[in-house]
Amino acid sequence: MIKLMREAAHKYPWLLKSIMGILAIAFVITMGWWGFGESQGNVVASVGDLTITRDEYRRAYENTYRFYKDKVQGDFKEETLKQFVLEQLIENRLWLVAAKEMGLVVAPEDLREDILQRPEFQRNGAFDPDLYRRLLAANRLTPAIFEAAQTKELLGEKARMIIRDAVALTPEELAEAQALVARQTTADAGKNQAAAERIYQDFLFQKQQRALTAYAEALKTRVPIKVHKELL
């Protein structure tokens, strides 16, 4: 079942982005409020010197459960979903480790631009400072705490972007994509162009996902990971 969940996320970009958004929100909110320095009794997993707290895990699990229940047909066993959520949270931490190894940083202007563009902080298409502060306050966050946590989320995304940008289709893969495009040709030139673009992007996306997975798996072999299953 967990393999099917991963495959569904890889096959449908919108699904993957939605799941990552759910986990990123849980990551930012809980890390910002509870921090990395939790007592050992509240840590469900550690990745190197980074930790995943029980509160963060619980929030991510509940959000992901609701998402799958609402958006995906079929039943998901509790233990399977627990494992899936924990794996994704561990992977988030691994990308922070990768970002540190790559020497990446998030400039203040990058953070500012990210926050200004987030739709939840906008009113009538523009950033609303009062709305920003109110939403953070509702989650027991100050701007300083949220922005520090969001910086870490952006760091992980920068590391993933470097891996994605290094991926290109081989001549063989391009030929395979072109063959698929040829089989779907219609009399409408506009539709043909749009279909071809979707096919090429799908091929590239799938290869990028494989590269990200391989990089994360390589990190797992050398970054100490400890899970306290009794706390899940």
Protein backbone atom coordinates (compact mmCIF):
# COMPACT_ATOMS: atom_id res chain seq x y z
CA MET A 1 0.00 0.00 0.00
CA ILE A 2 2.75 2.47 0.85
CA LYS A 3 4.33 1.73 -2.53
CA LEU A 4 1.05 2.65 -4.21
CA MET A 5 0.93 5.90 -2.23
CA ARG A 6 4.43 6.81 -3.39
CA GLU A 7 3.64 5.86 -6.98
CA ALA A 8 0.45 7.93 -6.92
CA ALA A 9 2.41 10.93 -5.66
CA HIS A 10 4.99 10.49 -8.42
CA LYS A 11 2.44 9.91 -11.17
CA TYR A 12 0.34 12.95 -10.36
CA PRO A 13 2.35 16.15 -9.70
CA TRP A 14 -0.65 17.92 -8.14
CA LEU A 15 -0.94 15.10 -5.60
CA LEU A 16 2.75 15.22 -4.70
CA LYS A 17 2.69 18.99 -4.32
CA SER A 18 -0.40 18.82 -2.12
CA ILE A 19 1.15 16.21 0.16
CA MET A 20 4.41 18.11 0.41
CA GLY A 21 2.46 21.26 1.17
CA ILE A 22 0.65 19.53 4.02
CA LEU A 23 3.89 18.27 5.49
CA ALA A 24 5.70 21.56 4.93
CA ILE A 25 2.99 23.43 6.82
CA ALA A 26 3.26 21.01 9.70
CA PHE A 27 7.05 21.27 9.55
CA VAL A 28 7.08 25.08 9.63
CA ILE A 29 4.39 25.57 12.25
CA THR A 30 5.58 22.96 14.72
CA MET A 31 9.27 23.67 14.25
CA GLY A 32 8.61 27.36 14.73
CA TRP A 33 6.65 26.91 17.94
CA TRP A 34 8.24 23.88 19.59
CA GLY A 35 11.68 24.10 17.97
CA PHE A 36 14.35 21.47 17.52
CA GLY A 37 15.36 21.46 21.16
CA GLU A 38 12.60 19.18 22.45
CA SER A 39 13.05 16.87 25.39
CA GLN A 40 14.06 13.37 24.34
CA GLY A 41 10.72 11.98 25.52
CA ASN A 42 8.88 13.98 22.86
CA VAL A 43 11.16 13.09 19.93
CA VAL A 44 9.79 10.41 17.60
CA ALA A 45 12.82 10.45 15.30
CA SER A 46 16.22 12.06 14.86
CA VAL A 47 18.08 12.70 11.60
CA GLY A 48 21.65 13.56 12.35
CA ASP A 49 21.37 16.35 14.91
CA LEU A 50 17.85 17.32 13.78
CA THR A 51 14.72 15.95 15.42
CA ILE A 52 11.06 15.28 14.63
CA THR A 53 8.78 15.92 17.58
CA ARG A 54 5.66 14.01 18.47
CA ASP A 55 3.59 17.19 18.04
CA GLU A 56 4.91 17.76 14.53
CA TYR A 57 4.37 14.14 13.59
CA ARG A 58 0.82 14.14 14.96
CA ARG A 59 -0.10 17.30 13.07
CA ALA A 60 1.37 15.99 9.81
CA TYR A 61 -0.39 12.64 10.21
CA GLU A 62 -3.79 14.20 10.87
CA ASN A 63 -3.46 16.60 7.92
CA THR A 64 -2.30 13.86 5.56
CA TYR A 65 -5.06 11.49 6.71
CA ARG A 66 -7.70 14.12 5.99
CA PHE A 67 -6.16 14.82 2.58
CA TYR A 68 -6.16 11.17 1.50
CA LYS A 69 -9.65 10.62 2.86
CA ASP A 70 -11.01 13.58 0.90
CA LYS A 71 -8.97 13.36 -2.32
CA VAL A 72 -7.96 9.74 -2.86
CA GLN A 73 -10.29 6.80 -3.30
CA GLY A 74 -9.64 3.70 -1.20
CA ASP A 75 -8.89 2.77 2.36
CA PHE A 76 -5.53 3.43 3.97
CA LYS A 77 -4.37 1.41 6.91
CA GLU A 78 -3.31 3.47 9.89
CA GLU A 79 0.11 1.83 10.19
CA THR A 80 0.80 2.34 6.49
CA LEU A 81 -0.09 6.01 6.63
CA LYS A 82 1.99 6.46 9.79
CA GLN A 83 5.02 5.02 8.02
CA PHE A 84 4.44 7.18 4.94
CA VAL A 85 4.18 10.41 6.96
CA LEU A 86 7.23 9.58 9.05
CA GLU A 87 9.27 8.84 5.93
CA GLN A 88 8.33 12.19 4.42
CA LEU A 89 9.23 14.09 7.60
CA ILE A 90 12.56 12.29 7.77
CA GLU A 91 13.16 13.18 4.13
CA ASN A 92 12.46 16.84 4.92
CA ARG A 93 15.23 16.74 7.51
CA LEU A 94 17.57 14.95 5.10
CA TRP A 95 17.19 17.80 2.62
CA LEU A 96 18.17 20.24 5.34
CA VAL A 97 21.30 18.17 5.84
CA ALA A 98 21.89 18.27 2.07
CA ALA A 99 21.43 22.04 1.99
CA LYS A 100 24.03 22.46 4.71
CA GLU A 101 26.48 20.22 2.87
CA MET A 102 25.92 22.19 -0.34
CA GLY A 103 26.64 25.42 1.50
CA LEU A 104 23.24 26.87 0.63
CA VAL A 105 21.77 29.92 2.31
CA VAL A 106 18.49 31.80 2.04
CA ALA A 107 18.97 35.51 1.49
CA PRO A 108 16.62 37.89 3.35
CA GLU A 109 15.18 39.09 0.06
CA ASP A 110 14.38 35.49 -0.96
CA LEU A 111 12.49 34.93 2.27
CA ARG A 112 10.67 38.24 1.89
CA GLU A 113 9.62 37.41 -1.68
CA ASP A 114 8.37 33.97 -0.62
CA ILE A 115 6.21 35.40 2.16
CA LEU A 116 4.87 38.24 0.01
CA GLN A 117 3.72 35.72 -2.61
CA ARG A 118 1.98 33.29 -0.26
CA PRO A 119 -1.77 33.52 -1.02
CA GLU A 120 -2.82 32.94 2.60
CA PHE A 121 -1.22 36.26 3.51
CA GLN A 122 -2.81 38.20 0.65
CA ARG A 123 -5.96 40.27 0.43
CA ASN A 124 -7.25 41.40 -2.98
CA GLY A 125 -4.11 40.01 -4.61
CA ALA A 126 -1.63 41.91 -2.43
CA PHE A 127 0.28 41.09 0.73
CA ASP A 128 -1.58 42.27 3.84
CA PRO A 129 0.74 42.83 6.85
CA ASP A 130 -2.16 42.87 9.30
CA LEU A 131 -3.53 39.57 7.95
CA TYR A 132 -0.02 38.10 8.14
CA ARG A 133 0.36 38.97 11.81
CA ARG A 134 -3.16 37.83 12.68
CA LEU A 135 -2.76 34.43 11.03
CA LEU A 136 0.56 33.86 12.75
CA ALA A 137 -0.88 34.94 16.10
CA ALA A 138 -3.75 32.48 15.61
CA ASN A 139 -1.12 29.73 15.36
CA ARG A 140 0.78 31.07 18.40
CA LEU A 141 3.62 32.32 16.22
CA THR A 142 5.50 35.59 15.96
CA PRO A 143 6.85 36.79 12.60
CA ALA A 144 10.41 36.13 13.81
CA ILE A 145 9.64 32.51 14.72
CA PHE A 146 7.73 31.83 11.52
CA GLU A 147 10.36 33.43 9.30
CA ALA A 148 13.17 31.44 10.93
CA ALA A 149 11.25 28.23 10.33
CA GLN A 150 10.31 29.19 6.77
CA THR A 151 13.96 29.86 6.04
CA LYS A 152 14.70 26.21 6.80
CA GLU A 153 11.86 25.08 4.56
CA LEU A 154 13.26 27.19 1.72
CA LEU A 155 16.72 25.75 2.34
CA GLY A 156 15.44 22.22 1.82
CA GLU A 157 13.63 23.28 -1.35
CA LYS A 158 16.82 24.92 -2.67
CA ALA A 159 18.68 21.64 -2.25
CA ARG A 160 15.93 19.75 -4.08
CA MET A 161 15.96 22.33 -6.85
CA ILE A 162 19.68 21.85 -7.42
CA ILE A 163 19.14 18.13 -7.94
CA ARG A 164 16.13 18.69 -10.21
CA ASP A 165 17.96 21.26 -12.32
CA ALA A 166 20.81 18.83 -12.89
CA VAL A 167 18.47 16.35 -14.58
CA ALA A 168 18.04 16.25 -18.35
CA LEU A 169 16.44 13.75 -20.70
CA THR A 170 18.80 11.51 -22.65
CA PRO A 171 18.48 11.17 -26.45
CA GLU A 172 16.83 7.78 -25.87
CA GLU A 173 14.30 9.27 -23.46
CA LEU A 174 13.57 12.12 -25.84
CA ALA A 175 12.98 9.61 -28.63
CA GLU A 176 10.58 7.68 -26.41
CA ALA A 177 8.70 10.87 -25.59
CA GLN A 178 8.58 11.84 -29.27
CA ALA A 179 7.16 8.43 -30.17
CA LEU A 180 4.44 8.89 -27.60
CA VAL A 181 3.70 12.38 -28.94
CA ALA A 182 3.41 10.99 -32.48
CA ARG A 183 0.82 8.45 -31.37
CA GLN A 184 -1.34 11.22 -29.91
CA THR A 185 -1.22 13.61 -32.88
CA THR A 186 -4.55 15.13 -33.92
CA ALA A 187 -5.70 17.62 -36.53
CA ASP A 188 -5.58 20.45 -34.00
CA ALA A 189 -2.05 21.93 -34.02
CA GLY A 190 -2.65 23.82 -30.77
CA LYS A 191 -3.75 20.68 -28.94
CA ASN A 192 -0.80 18.77 -30.37
CA GLN A 193 1.66 21.32 -29.05
CA ALA A 194 0.05 21.33 -25.60
CA ALA A 195 -0.01 17.52 -25.50
CA ALA A 196 3.64 17.32 -26.54
CA GLU A 197 4.65 19.76 -23.83
CA ARG A 198 2.75 17.76 -21.21
CA ILE A 199 4.42 14.54 -22.30
CA TYR A 200 7.93 16.02 -22.24
CA GLN A 201 7.30 17.62 -18.85
CA ASP A 202 5.95 14.35 -17.48
CA PHE A 203 9.01 12.45 -18.67
CA LEU A 204 11.27 15.07 -17.10
CA PHE A 205 9.28 15.19 -13.89
CA GLN A 206 9.43 11.41 -13.46
CA LYS A 207 13.20 11.44 -13.99
CA GLN A 208 13.61 14.33 -11.54
CA GLN A 209 11.63 12.43 -8.92
CA ARG A 210 13.84 9.39 -9.39
CA ALA A 211 16.91 11.58 -8.97
CA LEU A 212 15.53 13.14 -5.78
CA THR A 213 14.67 9.72 -4.39
CA ALA A 214 18.12 8.34 -5.20
CA TYR A 215 19.83 11.32 -3.58
CA ALA A 216 17.71 11.02 -0.45
CA GLU A 217 18.40 7.29 -0.26
CA ALA A 218 22.13 7.97 -0.51
CA LEU A 219 21.84 10.45 2.36
CA LYS A 220 20.11 7.82 4.47
CA THR A 221 23.11 5.53 4.16
CA ARG A 222 25.43 8.01 5.86
CA VAL A 223 23.24 10.24 8.05
CA PRO A 224 22.33 8.60 11.37
CA ILE A 225 18.56 8.12 11.63
CA LYS A 226 16.88 6.88 14.79
CA VAL A 227 13.13 6.24 15.14
CA HIS A 228 11.23 5.76 18.42
CA LYS A 229 8.31 3.71 17.10
CA GLU A 230 6.77 3.42 20.54
CA LEU A 231 5.96 7.14 20.40
CA LEU A 232 4.15 7.04 17.05
